[in-house]
């Protein structure tokens, strides 16, 4: 697991719980806590502590593996991708479960394209304190592109044994990534800017108008980029958002509350950028990007620049 945050930590711990041989690349206080007391998972599907944990701050300490699940924050992508080489053996696959639409291209700047597999997940989680990941909810399905080779098949079988995970290979991952991008940009931008869980937003008529506006802007940008949403998309978005407990916020909203760096440049900021390039108005996403840009580096880094 390249990254042990809300997604990497949760998925990696569940795979290890199911019998997988899992190692984590992590850093700082979170890594220290994992090594000292284990990785605690708090989830409505069952809480547990994974201990002992195989974890390190450097890929060279682990060496070549069959599969790398790349789940670092988008602002750490280039540095993490550049450091991944010691994990890559003759048949290693790298599956990215990051947000946004740029992850595969970033990885392919550092790795052979035929090793990189695009993927998407609608799980939600965050680091509540060093050594502890809270799984907030979401649909269990994780999607990966490309053909089903032996390594991906082994991962699918392991997910079948794990609590709350499901792996589904798909032929066209670009369609999946764009659908998630449009969905997530609205969810992240809405919950972060309005400082609210998804339930109150959907229940309030004015707040609901705003988050649906973010969704519709994303649909227009995607169509202009040559990736129109398939029929029934608004209904699928409603299903995904409604699947979360009402208090659930996006990882970006949780990071914002905790003073951590946020992925706004790769979400609403990317939507704003694409809108300008393609001639599509994105007033909602532009407002999210500009309002949250002040906090993009997080409280610690922002204060260090003062």
C-alpha atoms as a PDB file:
ATOM      1  CA  UNK A   1       0.000   0.000   0.000  1.00  0.00           C
ATOM      2  CA  UNK A   2       1.614   3.219  -1.173  1.00  0.00           C
ATOM      3  CA  UNK A   3      -0.077   5.442   1.390  1.00  0.00           C
ATOM      4  CA  UNK A   4      -1.802   4.507   4.632  1.00  0.00           C
ATOM      5  CA  UNK A   5      -4.441   7.222   4.914  1.00  0.00           C
ATOM      6  CA  UNK A   6      -8.207   6.932   4.707  1.00  0.00           C
ATOM      7  CA  UNK A   7      -8.238   4.770   1.575  1.00  0.00           C
ATOM      8  CA  UNK A   8      -4.841   3.068   1.669  1.00  0.00           C
ATOM      9  CA  UNK A   9      -4.990   2.397   5.382  1.00  0.00           C
ATOM     10  CA  UNK A  10      -8.513   1.015   5.325  1.00  0.00           C
ATOM     11  CA  UNK A  11      -8.158  -1.154   2.215  1.00  0.00           C
ATOM     12  CA  UNK A  12      -4.718  -2.401   3.229  1.00  0.00           C
ATOM     13  CA  UNK A  13      -5.883  -3.324   6.727  1.00  0.00           C
ATOM     14  CA  UNK A  14      -8.945  -5.159   5.386  1.00  0.00           C
ATOM     15  CA  UNK A  15      -6.796  -7.082   2.881  1.00  0.00           C
ATOM     16  CA  UNK A  16      -4.364  -8.029   5.653  1.00  0.00           C
ATOM     17  CA  UNK A  17      -7.269  -9.052   7.895  1.00  0.00           C
ATOM     18  CA  UNK A  18      -8.429 -11.351   5.073  1.00  0.00           C
ATOM     19  CA  UNK A  19      -5.041 -13.045   4.919  1.00  0.00           C
ATOM     20  CA  UNK A  20      -3.119 -10.886   2.457  1.00  0.00           C
ATOM     21  CA  UNK A  21       0.588 -10.189   2.868  1.00  0.00           C
ATOM     22  CA  UNK A  22       0.394  -6.402   3.065  1.00  0.00           C
ATOM     23  CA  UNK A  23       3.073  -3.778   3.672  1.00  0.00           C
ATOM     24  CA  UNK A  24       2.484  -0.037   3.974  1.00  0.00           C
ATOM     25  CA  UNK A  25       4.543   2.953   2.886  1.00  0.00           C
ATOM     26  CA  UNK A  26       3.721   5.725   5.347  1.00  0.00           C
ATOM     27  CA  UNK A  27       5.490   8.557   7.118  1.00  0.00           C
ATOM     28  CA  UNK A  28       5.732  10.757  10.168  1.00  0.00           C
ATOM     29  CA  UNK A  29       3.702  10.288  13.327  1.00  0.00           C
ATOM     30  CA  UNK A  30       1.243   7.992  11.565  1.00  0.00           C
ATOM     31  CA  UNK A  31       4.027   5.561  10.633  1.00  0.00           C
ATOM     32  CA  UNK A  32       5.511   5.708  14.124  1.00  0.00           C
ATOM     33  CA  UNK A  33       2.149   4.922  15.736  1.00  0.00           C
ATOM     34  CA  UNK A  34       1.494   2.065  13.326  1.00  0.00           C
ATOM     35  CA  UNK A  35       4.832   0.465  14.153  1.00  0.00           C
ATOM     36  CA  UNK A  36       4.399   0.960  17.894  1.00  0.00           C
ATOM     37  CA  UNK A  37       0.775   0.002  18.505  1.00  0.00           C
ATOM     38  CA  UNK A  38      -0.612  -1.165  15.141  1.00  0.00           C
ATOM     39  CA  UNK A  39      -3.124   0.326  12.728  1.00  0.00           C
ATOM     40  CA  UNK A  40      -6.542   0.900  14.284  1.00  0.00           C
ATOM     41  CA  UNK A  41      -9.559   0.784  11.964  1.00  0.00           C
ATOM     42  CA  UNK A  42     -12.804   2.345  13.171  1.00  0.00           C
ATOM     43  CA  UNK A  43     -15.732   1.234  11.035  1.00  0.00           C
ATOM     44  CA  UNK A  44     -19.436   0.474  11.288  1.00  0.00           C
ATOM     45  CA  UNK A  45     -18.582  -2.767   9.493  1.00  0.00           C
ATOM     46  CA  UNK A  46     -16.413  -3.809  12.433  1.00  0.00           C
ATOM     47  CA  UNK A  47     -13.517  -2.100  14.169  1.00  0.00           C
ATOM     48  CA  UNK A  48     -10.198  -3.814  14.754  1.00  0.00           C
ATOM     49  CA  UNK A  49      -6.483  -3.244  15.251  1.00  0.00           C
ATOM     50  CA  UNK A  50      -4.022  -4.644  12.743  1.00  0.00           C
ATOM     51  CA  UNK A  51      -0.909  -5.574  14.681  1.00  0.00           C
ATOM     52  CA  UNK A  52       1.908  -6.055  14.081  1.00  0.00           C
ATOM     53  CA  UNK A  53       2.104  -3.906  10.952  1.00  0.00           C
ATOM     54  CA  UNK A  54       4.656  -4.215   8.167  1.00  0.00           C
ATOM     55  CA  UNK A  55       5.381  -0.581   7.336  1.00  0.00           C
ATOM     56  CA  UNK A  56       8.236   1.681   6.327  1.00  0.00           C
ATOM     57  CA  UNK A  57       8.838   5.197   5.046  1.00  0.00           C
ATOM     58  CA  UNK A  58      10.986   3.908   2.156  1.00  0.00           C
ATOM     59  CA  UNK A  59      10.086   1.531  -0.662  1.00  0.00           C
ATOM     60  CA  UNK A  60      13.626   0.143  -0.684  1.00  0.00           C
ATOM     61  CA  UNK A  61      12.992  -1.362   2.766  1.00  0.00           C
ATOM     62  CA  UNK A  62      10.249  -3.570   1.297  1.00  0.00           C
ATOM     63  CA  UNK A  63      11.608  -4.509  -2.125  1.00  0.00           C
ATOM     64  CA  UNK A  64       9.795  -5.983  -5.156  1.00  0.00           C
ATOM     65  CA  UNK A  65       6.142  -6.987  -4.697  1.00  0.00           C
ATOM     66  CA  UNK A  66       3.371  -8.456  -6.854  1.00  0.00           C
ATOM     67  CA  UNK A  67       1.033  -5.497  -6.524  1.00  0.00           C
ATOM     68  CA  UNK A  68       1.271  -1.856  -5.479  1.00  0.00           C
ATOM     69  CA  UNK A  69      -1.953  -0.038  -4.599  1.00  0.00           C
ATOM     70  CA  UNK A  70      -1.165   3.641  -5.068  1.00  0.00           C
ATOM     71  CA  UNK A  71      -3.330   5.657  -2.670  1.00  0.00           C
ATOM     72  CA  UNK A  72      -1.355   8.780  -1.756  1.00  0.00           C
ATOM     73  CA  UNK A  73      -2.838  12.263  -1.753  1.00  0.00           C
ATOM     74  CA  UNK A  74      -2.742  13.952  -5.148  1.00  0.00           C
ATOM     75  CA  UNK A  75      -0.326  16.659  -4.021  1.00  0.00           C
ATOM     76  CA  UNK A  76       2.198  13.917  -3.118  1.00  0.00           C
ATOM     77  CA  UNK A  77       1.798  11.999  -6.390  1.00  0.00           C
ATOM     78  CA  UNK A  78       4.957  13.036  -8.212  1.00  0.00           C
ATOM     79  CA  UNK A  79       7.256  12.439  -5.254  1.00  0.00           C
ATOM     80  CA  UNK A  80       5.629   9.103  -4.416  1.00  0.00           C
ATOM     81  CA  UNK A  81       5.627   7.912  -8.039  1.00  0.00           C
ATOM     82  CA  UNK A  82       9.311   8.780  -8.378  1.00  0.00           C
ATOM     83  CA  UNK A  83      10.132   6.678  -5.290  1.00  0.00           C
ATOM     84  CA  UNK A  84       8.203   3.560  -6.280  1.00  0.00           C
ATOM     85  CA  UNK A  85      10.870   1.822  -8.376  1.00  0.00           C
ATOM     86  CA  UNK A  86      12.238  -0.472  -5.590  1.00  0.00           C
ATOM     87  CA  UNK A  87       8.773  -2.078  -5.313  1.00  0.00           C
ATOM     88  CA  UNK A  88       8.581  -2.952  -8.995  1.00  0.00           C
ATOM     89  CA  UNK A  89       9.703  -6.423 -10.082  1.00  0.00           C
ATOM     90  CA  UNK A  90       9.391  -8.302 -13.353  1.00  0.00           C
ATOM     91  CA  UNK A  91       5.612  -8.781 -13.113  1.00  0.00           C
ATOM     92  CA  UNK A  92       4.520  -6.074 -10.673  1.00  0.00           C
ATOM     93  CA  UNK A  93       1.225  -4.291 -11.299  1.00  0.00           C
ATOM     94  CA  UNK A  94       0.469  -0.800  -9.947  1.00  0.00           C
ATOM     95  CA  UNK A  95      -3.189  -0.001  -9.322  1.00  0.00           C
ATOM     96  CA  UNK A  96      -4.024   3.615  -8.591  1.00  0.00           C
ATOM     97  CA  UNK A  97      -7.039   4.412  -6.402  1.00  0.00           C
ATOM     98  CA  UNK A  98      -6.491   8.155  -6.239  1.00  0.00           C
ATOM     99  CA  UNK A  99      -9.008  10.895  -6.828  1.00  0.00           C
ATOM    100  CA  UNK A 100      -9.108  12.992  -9.988  1.00  0.00           C
ATOM    101  CA  UNK A 101      -8.346  12.075 -13.599  1.00  0.00           C
ATOM    102  CA  UNK A 102      -4.565  12.581 -13.709  1.00  0.00           C
ATOM    103  CA  UNK A 103      -3.209   9.718 -11.613  1.00  0.00           C
ATOM    104  CA  UNK A 104      -2.452   7.268 -14.430  1.00  0.00           C
ATOM    105  CA  UNK A 105      -0.572   9.908 -16.431  1.00  0.00           C
ATOM    106  CA  UNK A 106       1.476  10.923 -13.396  1.00  0.00           C
ATOM    107  CA  UNK A 107       2.480   7.323 -12.691  1.00  0.00           C
ATOM    108  CA  UNK A 108       3.333   6.699 -16.346  1.00  0.00           C
ATOM    109  CA  UNK A 109       5.897   9.490 -16.212  1.00  0.00           C
ATOM    110  CA  UNK A 110       7.878   7.271 -13.847  1.00  0.00           C
ATOM    111  CA  UNK A 111       6.811   3.708 -14.715  1.00  0.00           C
ATOM    112  CA  UNK A 112       6.121   1.618 -17.829  1.00  0.00           C
ATOM    113  CA  UNK A 113       2.584   2.257 -19.026  1.00  0.00           C
ATOM    114  CA  UNK A 114       1.779  -1.448 -19.308  1.00  0.00           C
ATOM    115  CA  UNK A 115       2.339  -1.865 -15.556  1.00  0.00           C
ATOM    116  CA  UNK A 116      -0.082   0.887 -14.501  1.00  0.00           C
ATOM    117  CA  UNK A 117      -3.780   0.105 -13.999  1.00  0.00           C
ATOM    118  CA  UNK A 118      -6.323   2.848 -13.415  1.00  0.00           C
ATOM    119  CA  UNK A 119      -8.818   2.287 -10.636  1.00  0.00           C
ATOM    120  CA  UNK A 120     -11.560   3.987  -8.664  1.00  0.00           C
ATOM    121  CA  UNK A 121     -13.178   3.579  -5.270  1.00  0.00           C
ATOM    122  CA  UNK A 122     -16.163   5.248  -3.619  1.00  0.00           C
ATOM    123  CA  UNK A 123     -15.057   4.359  -0.105  1.00  0.00           C
ATOM    124  CA  UNK A 124     -14.562   7.273   2.282  1.00  0.00           C
ATOM    125  CA  UNK A 125     -12.181   7.468   5.218  1.00  0.00           C
ATOM    126  CA  UNK A 126      -9.666   9.669   6.986  1.00  0.00           C
ATOM    127  CA  UNK A 127      -6.868   9.588   9.553  1.00  0.00           C
ATOM    128  CA  UNK A 128      -8.450  10.681  12.834  1.00  0.00           C
ATOM    129  CA  UNK A 129      -5.145  10.582  14.737  1.00  0.00           C
ATOM    130  CA  UNK A 130      -1.758   8.913  14.211  1.00  0.00           C
ATOM    131  CA  UNK A 131      -2.270   5.176  13.926  1.00  0.00           C
ATOM    132  CA  UNK A 132      -6.059   5.378  13.486  1.00  0.00           C
ATOM    133  CA  UNK A 133      -8.171   5.410  10.316  1.00  0.00           C
ATOM    134  CA  UNK A 134     -11.914   6.029  10.386  1.00  0.00           C
ATOM    135  CA  UNK A 135     -13.928   4.374   7.627  1.00  0.00           C
ATOM    136  CA  UNK A 136     -16.832   6.748   6.985  1.00  0.00           C
ATOM    137  CA  UNK A 137     -18.821   4.561   4.630  1.00  0.00           C
ATOM    138  CA  UNK A 138     -19.602   4.402   0.947  1.00  0.00           C
ATOM    139  CA  UNK A 139     -20.260   1.640  -1.553  1.00  0.00           C
ATOM    140  CA  UNK A 140     -17.883  -1.328  -1.247  1.00  0.00           C
ATOM    141  CA  UNK A 141     -17.147  -1.661  -4.961  1.00  0.00           C
ATOM    142  CA  UNK A 142     -13.653  -0.867  -6.248  1.00  0.00           C
ATOM    143  CA  UNK A 143     -13.186  -0.742 -10.007  1.00  0.00           C
ATOM    144  CA  UNK A 144     -10.013  -1.405 -11.991  1.00  0.00           C
ATOM    145  CA  UNK A 145      -9.325  -1.159 -15.705  1.00  0.00           C
ATOM    146  CA  UNK A 146      -7.721  -3.552 -18.131  1.00  0.00           C
ATOM    147  CA  UNK A 147      -7.845  -7.274 -18.595  1.00  0.00           C
ATOM    148  CA  UNK A 148      -8.107  -9.645 -15.656  1.00  0.00           C
ATOM    149  CA  UNK A 149      -4.608 -11.113 -15.305  1.00  0.00           C
ATOM    150  CA  UNK A 150      -3.464 -13.498 -12.562  1.00  0.00           C
ATOM    151  CA  UNK A 151      -2.403 -10.762 -10.135  1.00  0.00           C
ATOM    152  CA  UNK A 152      -5.672  -8.858 -10.468  1.00  0.00           C
ATOM    153  CA  UNK A 153      -7.574 -12.127 -10.133  1.00  0.00           C
ATOM    154  CA  UNK A 154      -5.736 -12.865  -6.868  1.00  0.00           C
ATOM    155  CA  UNK A 155      -6.630  -9.384  -5.634  1.00  0.00           C
ATOM    156  CA  UNK A 156     -10.277  -9.954  -6.564  1.00  0.00           C
ATOM    157  CA  UNK A 157     -10.330 -13.211  -4.611  1.00  0.00           C
ATOM    158  CA  UNK A 158      -8.740 -11.510  -1.613  1.00  0.00           C
ATOM    159  CA  UNK A 159     -11.309  -8.695  -1.770  1.00  0.00           C
ATOM    160  CA  UNK A 160     -14.068 -11.314  -1.809  1.00  0.00           C
ATOM    161  CA  UNK A 161     -12.769 -12.604   1.549  1.00  0.00           C
ATOM    162  CA  UNK A 162     -12.343  -9.119   3.013  1.00  0.00           C
ATOM    163  CA  UNK A 163     -15.030  -7.226   4.903  1.00  0.00           C
ATOM    164  CA  UNK A 164     -16.578  -4.389   2.912  1.00  0.00           C
ATOM    165  CA  UNK A 165     -14.471  -4.761  -0.255  1.00  0.00           C
ATOM    166  CA  UNK A 166     -15.379  -5.845  -3.757  1.00  0.00           C
ATOM    167  CA  UNK A 167     -13.219  -5.707  -6.878  1.00  0.00           C
ATOM    168  CA  UNK A 168     -14.708  -5.464 -10.354  1.00  0.00           C
ATOM    169  CA  UNK A 169     -12.463  -5.305 -13.460  1.00  0.00           C
ATOM    170  CA  UNK A 170     -13.952  -3.145 -16.237  1.00  0.00           C
ATOM    171  CA  UNK A 171     -13.027  -2.709 -19.890  1.00  0.00           C
ATOM    172  CA  UNK A 172     -13.131   1.117 -20.039  1.00  0.00           C
ATOM    173  CA  UNK A 173     -11.619   2.662 -16.930  1.00  0.00           C
ATOM    174  CA  UNK A 174     -11.642   6.170 -18.458  1.00  0.00           C
ATOM    175  CA  UNK A 175     -15.440   6.223 -18.348  1.00  0.00           C
ATOM    176  CA  UNK A 176     -15.318   5.132 -14.701  1.00  0.00           C
ATOM    177  CA  UNK A 177     -12.675   7.707 -13.771  1.00  0.00           C
ATOM    178  CA  UNK A 178     -14.568  10.570 -15.381  1.00  0.00           C
ATOM    179  CA  UNK A 179     -17.818   9.551 -13.705  1.00  0.00           C
ATOM    180  CA  UNK A 180     -16.071   9.431 -10.350  1.00  0.00           C
ATOM    181  CA  UNK A 181     -14.325  12.742 -11.070  1.00  0.00           C
ATOM    182  CA  UNK A 182     -17.612  14.540 -11.712  1.00  0.00           C
ATOM    183  CA  UNK A 183     -19.246  12.890  -8.686  1.00  0.00           C
ATOM    184  CA  UNK A 184     -16.343  13.511  -6.323  1.00  0.00           C
ATOM    185  CA  UNK A 185     -15.689  17.094  -7.370  1.00  0.00           C
ATOM    186  CA  UNK A 186     -19.261  17.965  -6.413  1.00  0.00           C
ATOM    187  CA  UNK A 187     -19.164  15.939  -3.186  1.00  0.00           C
ATOM    188  CA  UNK A 188     -15.751  17.252  -2.103  1.00  0.00           C
ATOM    189  CA  UNK A 189     -16.412  20.840  -3.103  1.00  0.00           C
ATOM    190  CA  UNK A 190     -19.876  20.907  -1.531  1.00  0.00           C
ATOM    191  CA  UNK A 191     -19.046  19.296   1.811  1.00  0.00           C
ATOM    192  CA  UNK A 192     -15.780  21.235   2.175  1.00  0.00           C
ATOM    193  CA  UNK A 193     -17.130  24.673   1.268  1.00  0.00           C
ATOM    194  CA  UNK A 194     -20.357  24.248   3.264  1.00  0.00           C
ATOM    195  CA  UNK A 195     -18.583  22.534   6.199  1.00  0.00           C
ATOM    196  CA  UNK A 196     -21.315  19.911   6.386  1.00  0.00           C
ATOM    197  CA  UNK A 197     -22.008  16.231   6.068  1.00  0.00           C
ATOM    198  CA  UNK A 198     -23.839  15.105   2.952  1.00  0.00           C
ATOM    199  CA  UNK A 199     -27.146  14.430   4.758  1.00  0.00           C
ATOM    200  CA  UNK A 200     -27.903  18.021   5.828  1.00  0.00           C
ATOM    201  CA  UNK A 201     -26.818  19.281   2.403  1.00  0.00           C
ATOM    202  CA  UNK A 202     -29.279  17.021   0.597  1.00  0.00           C
ATOM    203  CA  UNK A 203     -32.020  17.895   3.102  1.00  0.00           C
ATOM    204  CA  UNK A 204     -31.613  21.671   2.761  1.00  0.00           C
ATOM    205  CA  UNK A 205     -33.153  23.058  -0.459  1.00  0.00           C
ATOM    206  CA  UNK A 206     -30.604  25.839  -0.987  1.00  0.00           C
ATOM    207  CA  UNK A 207     -27.584  23.680  -0.142  1.00  0.00           C
ATOM    208  CA  UNK A 208     -28.909  20.925  -2.391  1.00  0.00           C
ATOM    209  CA  UNK A 209     -29.197  23.367  -5.306  1.00  0.00           C
ATOM    210  CA  UNK A 210     -25.515  24.247  -4.882  1.00  0.00           C
ATOM    211  CA  UNK A 211     -24.151  20.697  -4.783  1.00  0.00           C
ATOM    212  CA  UNK A 212     -26.355  19.687  -7.720  1.00  0.00           C
ATOM    213  CA  UNK A 213     -25.047  22.738  -9.587  1.00  0.00           C
ATOM    214  CA  UNK A 214     -21.524  21.453  -9.003  1.00  0.00           C
ATOM    215  CA  UNK A 215     -22.627  18.076 -10.369  1.00  0.00           C
ATOM    216  CA  UNK A 216     -24.215  19.621 -13.460  1.00  0.00           C
ATOM    217  CA  UNK A 217     -21.162  21.783 -14.192  1.00  0.00           C
ATOM    218  CA  UNK A 218     -19.026  18.662 -14.027  1.00  0.00           C
ATOM    219  CA  UNK A 219     -21.342  16.880 -16.462  1.00  0.00           C
ATOM    220  CA  UNK A 220     -21.025  19.767 -18.924  1.00  0.00           C
ATOM    221  CA  UNK A 221     -17.224  19.811 -18.665  1.00  0.00           C
ATOM    222  CA  UNK A 222     -17.022  16.040 -19.112  1.00  0.00           C
ATOM    223  CA  UNK A 223     -19.233  16.169 -22.212  1.00  0.00           C
ATOM    224  CA  UNK A 224     -17.109  18.941 -23.726  1.00  0.00           C
ATOM    225  CA  UNK A 225     -13.973  16.878 -23.007  1.00  0.00           C
ATOM    226  CA  UNK A 226     -15.418  13.925 -24.905  1.00  0.00           C
ATOM    227  CA  UNK A 227     -16.498  11.925 -21.861  1.00  0.00           C
ATOM    228  CA  UNK A 228     -20.270  12.465 -21.532  1.00  0.00           C
ATOM    229  CA  UNK A 229     -21.963  10.855 -18.569  1.00  0.00           C
ATOM    230  CA  UNK A 230     -24.015   7.772 -19.393  1.00  0.00           C
ATOM    231  CA  UNK A 231     -27.809   7.840 -19.064  1.00  0.00           C
ATOM    232  CA  UNK A 232     -29.052   7.841 -15.498  1.00  0.00           C
ATOM    233  CA  UNK A 233     -25.974   9.560 -14.067  1.00  0.00           C
ATOM    234  CA  UNK A 234     -27.841  11.960 -11.721  1.00  0.00           C
ATOM    235  CA  UNK A 235     -29.679   8.991 -10.224  1.00  0.00           C
ATOM    236  CA  UNK A 236     -26.401   7.109  -9.675  1.00  0.00           C
ATOM    237  CA  UNK A 237     -24.946  10.151  -7.958  1.00  0.00           C
ATOM    238  CA  UNK A 238     -27.978  10.355  -5.682  1.00  0.00           C
ATOM    239  CA  UNK A 239     -27.562   6.658  -4.818  1.00  0.00           C
ATOM    240  CA  UNK A 240     -23.885   7.079  -3.989  1.00  0.00           C
ATOM    241  CA  UNK A 241     -24.378  10.176  -1.875  1.00  0.00           C
ATOM    242  CA  UNK A 242     -27.366   8.682  -0.084  1.00  0.00           C
ATOM    243  CA  UNK A 243     -25.378   5.521   0.704  1.00  0.00           C
ATOM    244  CA  UNK A 244     -23.245   7.537   3.122  1.00  0.00           C
ATOM    245  CA  UNK A 245     -24.381   8.132   6.702  1.00  0.00           C
ATOM    246  CA  UNK A 246     -25.693  11.723   6.929  1.00  0.00           C
ATOM    247  CA  UNK A 247     -22.656  13.018   8.846  1.00  0.00           C
ATOM    248  CA  UNK A 248     -20.123  11.845   6.250  1.00  0.00           C
ATOM    249  CA  UNK A 249     -17.978  14.481   4.567  1.00  0.00           C
ATOM    250  CA  UNK A 250     -15.383  14.154   1.856  1.00  0.00           C
ATOM    251  CA  UNK A 251     -11.763  13.495   2.742  1.00  0.00           C
ATOM    252  CA  UNK A 252     -11.036  17.032   1.547  1.00  0.00           C
ATOM    253  CA  UNK A 253     -13.553  18.429   4.037  1.00  0.00           C
ATOM    254  CA  UNK A 254     -12.003  16.360   6.834  1.00  0.00           C
ATOM    255  CA  UNK A 255      -8.500  17.480   5.865  1.00  0.00           C
ATOM    256  CA  UNK A 256      -9.658  21.104   5.781  1.00  0.00           C
ATOM    257  CA  UNK A 257     -11.080  20.832   9.310  1.00  0.00           C
ATOM    258  CA  UNK A 258      -7.798  19.371  10.570  1.00  0.00           C
ATOM    259  CA  UNK A 259      -5.597  21.994   8.955  1.00  0.00           C
ATOM    260  CA  UNK A 260      -4.029  19.541   6.514  1.00  0.00           C
ATOM    261  CA  UNK A 261      -3.230  20.213   2.860  1.00  0.00           C
ATOM    262  CA  UNK A 262      -6.218  19.676   0.579  1.00  0.00           C
ATOM    263  CA  UNK A 263      -6.644  18.358  -2.978  1.00  0.00           C
ATOM    264  CA  UNK A 264      -8.727  21.291  -4.218  1.00  0.00           C
ATOM    265  CA  UNK A 265      -6.371  22.085  -7.128  1.00  0.00           C
ATOM    266  CA  UNK A 266      -6.909  18.594  -8.581  1.00  0.00           C
ATOM    267  CA  UNK A 267     -10.685  18.575  -8.024  1.00  0.00           C
ATOM    268  CA  UNK A 268     -12.676  21.815  -8.301  1.00  0.00           C
ATOM    269  CA  UNK A 269      -9.492  23.569  -9.453  1.00  0.00           C
ATOM    270  CA  UNK A 270      -9.071  21.044 -12.255  1.00  0.00           C
ATOM    271  CA  UNK A 271     -12.753  21.455 -13.166  1.00  0.00           C
ATOM    272  CA  UNK A 272     -12.256  25.240 -13.266  1.00  0.00           C
ATOM    273  CA  UNK A 273      -9.161  24.808 -15.464  1.00  0.00           C
ATOM    274  CA  UNK A 274     -10.929  22.453 -17.865  1.00  0.00           C
ATOM    275  CA  UNK A 275     -13.935  24.762 -18.045  1.00  0.00           C
ATOM    276  CA  UNK A 276     -11.738  27.669 -19.100  1.00  0.00           C
ATOM    277  CA  UNK A 277      -9.968  25.514 -21.695  1.00  0.00           C
ATOM    278  CA  UNK A 278     -13.161  24.044 -23.141  1.00  0.00           C
ATOM    279  CA  UNK A 279     -15.346  27.148 -22.952  1.00  0.00           C
ATOM    280  CA  UNK A 280     -17.705  25.762 -20.300  1.00  0.00           C
ATOM    281  CA  UNK A 281     -18.859  28.042 -17.465  1.00  0.00           C
ATOM    282  CA  UNK A 282     -18.085  26.610 -14.003  1.00  0.00           C
ATOM    283  CA  UNK A 283     -19.104  29.356 -11.536  1.00  0.00           C
ATOM    284  CA  UNK A 284     -19.730  26.874  -8.723  1.00  0.00           C
ATOM    285  CA  UNK A 285     -16.431  24.998  -9.023  1.00  0.00           C
ATOM    286  CA  UNK A 286     -14.567  28.248  -9.606  1.00  0.00           C
ATOM    287  CA  UNK A 287     -16.018  29.598  -6.350  1.00  0.00           C
ATOM    288  CA  UNK A 288     -14.990  26.416  -4.483  1.00  0.00           C
ATOM    289  CA  UNK A 289     -11.472  26.557  -5.920  1.00  0.00           C
ATOM    290  CA  UNK A 290     -10.906  30.228  -5.183  1.00  0.00           C
ATOM    291  CA  UNK A 291     -12.494  30.148  -1.732  1.00  0.00           C
ATOM    292  CA  UNK A 292     -10.499  27.100  -0.606  1.00  0.00           C
ATOM    293  CA  UNK A 293      -7.244  27.958  -2.373  1.00  0.00           C
ATOM    294  CA  UNK A 294      -6.232  29.972   0.685  1.00  0.00           C
ATOM    295  CA  UNK A 295      -6.179  26.726   2.666  1.00  0.00           C
ATOM    296  CA  UNK A 296      -4.621  24.492  -0.011  1.00  0.00           C
ATOM    297  CA  UNK A 297      -1.312  24.077   1.816  1.00  0.00           C
ATOM    298  CA  UNK A 298      -2.894  23.407   5.200  1.00  0.00           C
ATOM    299  CA  UNK A 299      -2.478  25.354   8.422  1.00  0.00           C
ATOM    300  CA  UNK A 300       1.063  24.182   9.217  1.00  0.00           C
ATOM    301  CA  UNK A 301       2.528  24.897   5.802  1.00  0.00           C
ATOM    302  CA  UNK A 302       0.529  28.090   5.427  1.00  0.00           C
ATOM    303  CA  UNK A 303       1.799  29.415   8.764  1.00  0.00           C
ATOM    304  CA  UNK A 304       5.375  28.487   7.885  1.00  0.00           C
ATOM    305  CA  UNK A 305       5.132  30.754   4.845  1.00  0.00           C
ATOM    306  CA  UNK A 306       4.007  33.783   6.866  1.00  0.00           C
END
